[in-house]
Amino acid sequence: MSEQHEESGAGVIKLPGTFSISSVEKIYELVNSAPATQRIKLDGADVEVMDAAALQLLLAAQKRQASHGGGVDWLEASDYMKQIVRMLSLQSQLPGLAD
């Protein structure tokens, strides 16, 4: 399991396997360095653990991008992430993540 969380190829932000408060700051910097008027690409395929801080970051990123005409595209999301989103009924706030 890779713990890398960085921007890789074509502006994709790869989320770490343990996406928690300890990794949120780096992901926050990457998300906020993207223009809010554009779509950002997130890859959550490796996420096996996600805490409230990580979920809050995803919600804030979605809201920021949408409010400025941009958006969030999910290239992949782990079954774990999808399950959490469905369990918390956040499908409408995080479209594309619970599909």
N, C-alpha and C. Protein backbone atom coordinates (compact mmCIF):
# COMPACT_ATOMS: atom_id res chain seq x y z
N MET A 1 0.85 -1.18 0.00
CA MET A 1 0.00 0.00 0.00
C MET A 1 0.89 1.23 0.00
N SER A 2 0.65 2.11 -0.93
CA SER A 2 1.43 3.33 -1.06
C SER A 2 0.82 4.43 -0.20
N GLU A 3 1.66 5.14 0.51
CA GLU A 3 1.21 6.26 1.32
C GLU A 3 1.49 7.58 0.64
N GLN A 4 1.84 7.53 -0.64
CA GLN A 4 2.10 8.78 -1.35
C GLN A 4 0.81 9.53 -1.54
N HIS A 5 0.91 10.82 -1.43
CA HIS A 5 -0.23 11.69 -1.70
C HIS A 5 0.30 12.92 -2.39
N GLU A 6 0.27 12.82 -3.69
CA GLU A 6 0.84 13.91 -4.46
C GLU A 6 0.12 14.03 -5.79
N GLU A 7 0.44 15.11 -6.45
CA GLU A 7 -0.12 15.32 -7.77
C GLU A 7 0.71 14.50 -8.72
N SER A 8 0.04 13.68 -9.50
CA SER A 8 0.77 12.82 -10.42
C SER A 8 0.10 12.86 -11.79
N GLY A 9 0.87 13.07 -12.80
CA GLY A 9 0.40 13.05 -14.17
C GLY A 9 -0.93 13.73 -14.43
N ALA A 10 -0.96 14.64 -15.35
CA ALA A 10 -2.16 15.32 -15.83
C ALA A 10 -2.99 15.94 -14.72
N GLY A 11 -2.34 16.40 -13.66
CA GLY A 11 -3.05 17.11 -12.61
C GLY A 11 -3.91 16.25 -11.72
N VAL A 12 -3.64 14.96 -11.65
CA VAL A 12 -4.41 14.06 -10.79
C VAL A 12 -3.84 14.11 -9.37
N ILE A 13 -4.73 14.28 -8.40
CA ILE A 13 -4.31 14.26 -7.00
C ILE A 13 -4.64 12.88 -6.44
N LYS A 14 -3.60 12.14 -6.11
CA LYS A 14 -3.74 10.78 -5.60
C LYS A 14 -3.85 10.83 -4.08
N LEU A 15 -4.94 10.29 -3.57
CA LEU A 15 -5.16 10.28 -2.12
C LEU A 15 -4.44 9.09 -1.51
N PRO A 16 -3.91 9.25 -0.29
CA PRO A 16 -3.16 8.17 0.34
C PRO A 16 -4.06 7.06 0.88
N GLY A 17 -3.48 5.90 1.10
CA GLY A 17 -4.21 4.76 1.65
C GLY A 17 -4.82 5.06 3.00
N THR A 18 -4.07 5.74 3.83
CA THR A 18 -4.59 6.21 5.12
C THR A 18 -4.80 7.70 4.97
N PHE A 19 -6.02 8.06 4.61
CA PHE A 19 -6.38 9.45 4.36
C PHE A 19 -6.98 9.99 5.65
N SER A 20 -6.11 10.60 6.44
CA SER A 20 -6.52 11.05 7.77
C SER A 20 -5.92 12.42 8.06
N ILE A 21 -6.16 12.88 9.26
CA ILE A 21 -5.73 14.23 9.64
C ILE A 21 -4.24 14.44 9.39
N SER A 22 -3.45 13.38 9.47
CA SER A 22 -2.01 13.53 9.26
C SER A 22 -1.64 13.81 7.81
N SER A 23 -2.52 13.47 6.88
CA SER A 23 -2.23 13.71 5.46
C SER A 23 -3.10 14.80 4.85
N VAL A 24 -4.05 15.31 5.59
CA VAL A 24 -4.99 16.29 5.05
C VAL A 24 -4.30 17.58 4.62
N GLU A 25 -3.30 18.04 5.36
CA GLU A 25 -2.67 19.32 5.04
C GLU A 25 -2.05 19.31 3.63
N LYS A 26 -1.36 18.24 3.28
CA LYS A 26 -0.73 18.15 1.96
C LYS A 26 -1.79 18.12 0.86
N ILE A 27 -2.84 17.34 1.06
CA ILE A 27 -3.92 17.26 0.06
C ILE A 27 -4.63 18.60 -0.05
N TYR A 28 -4.83 19.27 1.08
CA TYR A 28 -5.45 20.60 1.10
C TYR A 28 -4.64 21.57 0.24
N GLU A 29 -3.33 21.54 0.39
CA GLU A 29 -2.47 22.43 -0.40
C GLU A 29 -2.60 22.15 -1.89
N LEU A 30 -2.63 20.88 -2.25
CA LEU A 30 -2.76 20.51 -3.66
C LEU A 30 -4.12 20.94 -4.22
N VAL A 31 -5.17 20.69 -3.48
CA VAL A 31 -6.52 21.06 -3.93
C VAL A 31 -6.63 22.57 -4.07
N ASN A 32 -6.16 23.30 -3.09
CA ASN A 32 -6.29 24.76 -3.12
C ASN A 32 -5.33 25.45 -4.08
N SER A 33 -4.34 24.73 -4.57
CA SER A 33 -3.45 25.32 -5.57
C SER A 33 -4.08 25.23 -6.97
N ALA A 34 -5.11 24.40 -7.10
CA ALA A 34 -5.82 24.29 -8.38
C ALA A 34 -6.79 25.47 -8.51
N PRO A 35 -6.91 26.03 -9.70
CA PRO A 35 -7.87 27.12 -9.89
C PRO A 35 -9.30 26.65 -9.58
N ALA A 36 -10.03 27.44 -8.82
CA ALA A 36 -11.39 27.06 -8.41
C ALA A 36 -12.36 27.03 -9.58
N THR A 37 -11.97 27.65 -10.69
CA THR A 37 -12.85 27.68 -11.87
C THR A 37 -12.67 26.45 -12.76
N GLN A 38 -11.73 25.59 -12.40
CA GLN A 38 -11.47 24.40 -13.21
C GLN A 38 -11.92 23.14 -12.47
N ARG A 39 -11.89 22.03 -13.17
CA ARG A 39 -12.22 20.75 -12.57
C ARG A 39 -10.92 20.13 -12.05
N ILE A 40 -10.97 19.59 -10.85
CA ILE A 40 -9.81 18.88 -10.31
C ILE A 40 -10.10 17.39 -10.37
N LYS A 41 -9.04 16.61 -10.51
CA LYS A 41 -9.17 15.16 -10.63
C LYS A 41 -8.59 14.51 -9.39
N LEU A 42 -9.42 13.68 -8.73
CA LEU A 42 -8.98 12.98 -7.54
C LEU A 42 -8.98 11.47 -7.78
N ASP A 43 -7.98 10.81 -7.24
CA ASP A 43 -7.89 9.36 -7.33
C ASP A 43 -7.84 8.81 -5.91
N GLY A 44 -8.92 8.15 -5.52
CA GLY A 44 -9.02 7.56 -4.19
C GLY A 44 -8.98 6.05 -4.20
N ALA A 45 -8.39 5.47 -5.23
CA ALA A 45 -8.38 4.01 -5.38
C ALA A 45 -7.68 3.30 -4.22
N ASP A 46 -6.69 3.94 -3.61
CA ASP A 46 -5.91 3.29 -2.55
C ASP A 46 -6.44 3.55 -1.15
N VAL A 47 -7.47 4.36 -1.00
CA VAL A 47 -7.94 4.74 0.33
C VAL A 47 -8.57 3.55 1.05
N GLU A 48 -7.98 3.20 2.19
CA GLU A 48 -8.47 2.11 3.03
C GLU A 48 -8.97 2.62 4.37
N VAL A 49 -8.52 3.80 4.75
CA VAL A 49 -8.92 4.44 6.01
C VAL A 49 -9.17 5.90 5.71
N MET A 50 -10.27 6.43 6.24
CA MET A 50 -10.59 7.85 6.02
C MET A 50 -11.27 8.36 7.28
N ASP A 51 -10.75 9.44 7.84
CA ASP A 51 -11.36 9.99 9.06
C ASP A 51 -12.20 11.23 8.74
N ALA A 52 -12.74 11.83 9.77
CA ALA A 52 -13.62 12.99 9.61
C ALA A 52 -12.90 14.17 8.98
N ALA A 53 -11.63 14.37 9.29
CA ALA A 53 -10.88 15.49 8.71
C ALA A 53 -10.75 15.32 7.19
N ALA A 54 -10.51 14.11 6.74
CA ALA A 54 -10.40 13.85 5.31
C ALA A 54 -11.74 14.05 4.62
N LEU A 55 -12.78 13.57 5.23
CA LEU A 55 -14.12 13.74 4.67
C LEU A 55 -14.50 15.22 4.59
N GLN A 56 -14.16 15.97 5.61
CA GLN A 56 -14.43 17.40 5.62
C GLN A 56 -13.68 18.10 4.49
N LEU A 57 -12.44 17.70 4.25
CA LEU A 57 -11.67 18.28 3.15
C LEU A 57 -12.34 18.00 1.81
N LEU A 58 -12.81 16.78 1.60
CA LEU A 58 -13.48 16.44 0.35
C LEU A 58 -14.74 17.26 0.15
N LEU A 59 -15.51 17.43 1.21
CA LEU A 59 -16.73 18.24 1.13
C LEU A 59 -16.41 19.70 0.83
N ALA A 60 -15.39 20.23 1.49
CA ALA A 60 -14.99 21.63 1.26
C ALA A 60 -14.46 21.83 -0.16
N ALA A 61 -13.70 20.87 -0.66
CA ALA A 61 -13.16 20.98 -2.02
C ALA A 61 -14.29 20.95 -3.04
N GLN A 62 -15.25 20.06 -2.84
CA GLN A 62 -16.39 19.98 -3.75
C GLN A 62 -17.16 21.30 -3.75
N LYS A 63 -17.40 21.85 -2.56
CA LYS A 63 -18.15 23.10 -2.44
C LYS A 63 -17.38 24.26 -3.08
N ARG A 64 -16.07 24.34 -2.81
CA ARG A 64 -15.24 25.42 -3.36
C ARG A 64 -15.27 25.39 -4.89
N GLN A 65 -15.02 24.23 -5.45
CA GLN A 65 -14.96 24.13 -6.91
C GLN A 65 -16.32 24.46 -7.53
N ALA A 66 -17.39 23.89 -6.98
CA ALA A 66 -18.73 24.10 -7.53
C ALA A 66 -19.16 25.56 -7.45
N SER A 67 -18.79 26.23 -6.38
CA SER A 67 -19.23 27.62 -6.21
C SER A 67 -18.51 28.60 -7.13
N HIS A 68 -17.43 28.15 -7.76
CA HIS A 68 -16.67 29.00 -8.67
C HIS A 68 -16.74 28.52 -10.11
N GLY A 69 -17.63 27.59 -10.38
CA GLY A 69 -17.80 27.11 -11.75
C GLY A 69 -16.91 25.93 -12.12
N GLY A 70 -16.13 25.44 -11.18
CA GLY A 70 -15.28 24.27 -11.43
C GLY A 70 -15.99 23.01 -10.98
N GLY A 71 -15.23 22.04 -10.59
CA GLY A 71 -15.83 20.80 -10.12
C GLY A 71 -14.77 19.80 -9.72
N VAL A 72 -15.23 18.63 -9.31
CA VAL A 72 -14.35 17.55 -8.91
C VAL A 72 -14.70 16.32 -9.74
N ASP A 73 -13.71 15.72 -10.34
CA ASP A 73 -13.88 14.47 -11.08
C ASP A 73 -13.16 13.36 -10.32
N TRP A 74 -13.86 12.27 -10.10
CA TRP A 74 -13.27 11.11 -9.44
C TRP A 74 -12.81 10.13 -10.50
N LEU A 75 -11.51 9.92 -10.59
CA LEU A 75 -10.99 8.94 -11.53
C LEU A 75 -11.28 7.54 -10.99
N GLU A 76 -11.03 7.36 -9.71
CA GLU A 76 -11.33 6.10 -9.03
C GLU A 76 -11.59 6.41 -7.56
N ALA A 77 -12.34 5.53 -6.95
CA ALA A 77 -12.58 5.62 -5.50
C ALA A 77 -12.66 4.19 -4.97
N SER A 78 -12.08 3.97 -3.83
CA SER A 78 -12.11 2.63 -3.25
C SER A 78 -13.53 2.27 -2.81
N ASP A 79 -13.78 1.00 -2.70
CA ASP A 79 -15.08 0.55 -2.19
C ASP A 79 -15.32 1.10 -0.79
N TYR A 80 -14.25 1.22 -0.01
CA TYR A 80 -14.36 1.76 1.35
C TYR A 80 -14.90 3.20 1.31
N MET A 81 -14.34 4.03 0.44
CA MET A 81 -14.80 5.42 0.34
C MET A 81 -16.26 5.47 -0.07
N LYS A 82 -16.62 4.68 -1.06
CA LYS A 82 -18.00 4.66 -1.53
C LYS A 82 -18.96 4.22 -0.43
N GLN A 83 -18.53 3.23 0.34
CA GLN A 83 -19.36 2.75 1.44
C GLN A 83 -19.57 3.83 2.50
N ILE A 84 -18.53 4.56 2.84
CA ILE A 84 -18.63 5.64 3.83
C ILE A 84 -19.59 6.72 3.34
N VAL A 85 -19.46 7.11 2.10
CA VAL A 85 -20.32 8.16 1.54
C VAL A 85 -21.79 7.72 1.57
N ARG A 86 -22.04 6.48 1.21
CA ARG A 86 -23.42 5.98 1.24
C ARG A 86 -23.93 5.87 2.68
N MET A 87 -23.09 5.38 3.59
CA MET A 87 -23.49 5.21 4.98
C MET A 87 -23.86 6.55 5.62
N LEU A 88 -23.15 7.60 5.25
CA LEU A 88 -23.41 8.93 5.81
C LEU A 88 -24.38 9.75 4.96
N SER A 89 -24.93 9.14 3.93
CA SER A 89 -25.89 9.80 3.03
C SER A 89 -25.34 11.10 2.44
N LEU A 90 -24.11 11.02 1.94
CA LEU A 90 -23.46 12.20 1.37
C LEU A 90 -23.36 12.14 -0.15
N GLN A 91 -24.18 11.30 -0.77
CA GLN A 91 -24.13 11.15 -2.22
C GLN A 91 -24.35 12.46 -2.95
N SER A 92 -25.30 13.27 -2.50
CA SER A 92 -25.58 14.53 -3.20
C SER A 92 -24.46 15.56 -2.99
N GLN A 93 -23.77 15.50 -1.86
CA GLN A 93 -22.68 16.45 -1.61
C GLN A 93 -21.38 16.02 -2.28
N LEU A 94 -21.23 14.73 -2.52
CA LEU A 94 -20.03 14.21 -3.16
C LEU A 94 -20.39 13.38 -4.39
N PRO A 95 -20.97 14.03 -5.39
CA PRO A 95 -21.40 13.29 -6.57
C PRO A 95 -20.21 12.61 -7.26
N GLY A 96 -20.47 11.43 -7.75
CA GLY A 96 -19.42 10.69 -8.43
C GLY A 96 -18.64 9.79 -7.50
N LEU A 97 -18.75 9.99 -6.22
CA LEU A 97 -17.98 9.18 -5.27
C LEU A 97 -18.74 7.96 -4.82
N ALA A 98 -20.03 8.00 -4.87
CA ALA A 98 -20.83 6.87 -4.36
C ALA A 98 -21.42 6.03 -5.47
N ASP A 99 -21.00 6.27 -6.71
CA ASP A 99 -21.55 5.50 -7.84
C ASP A 99 -21.08 4.07 -7.82
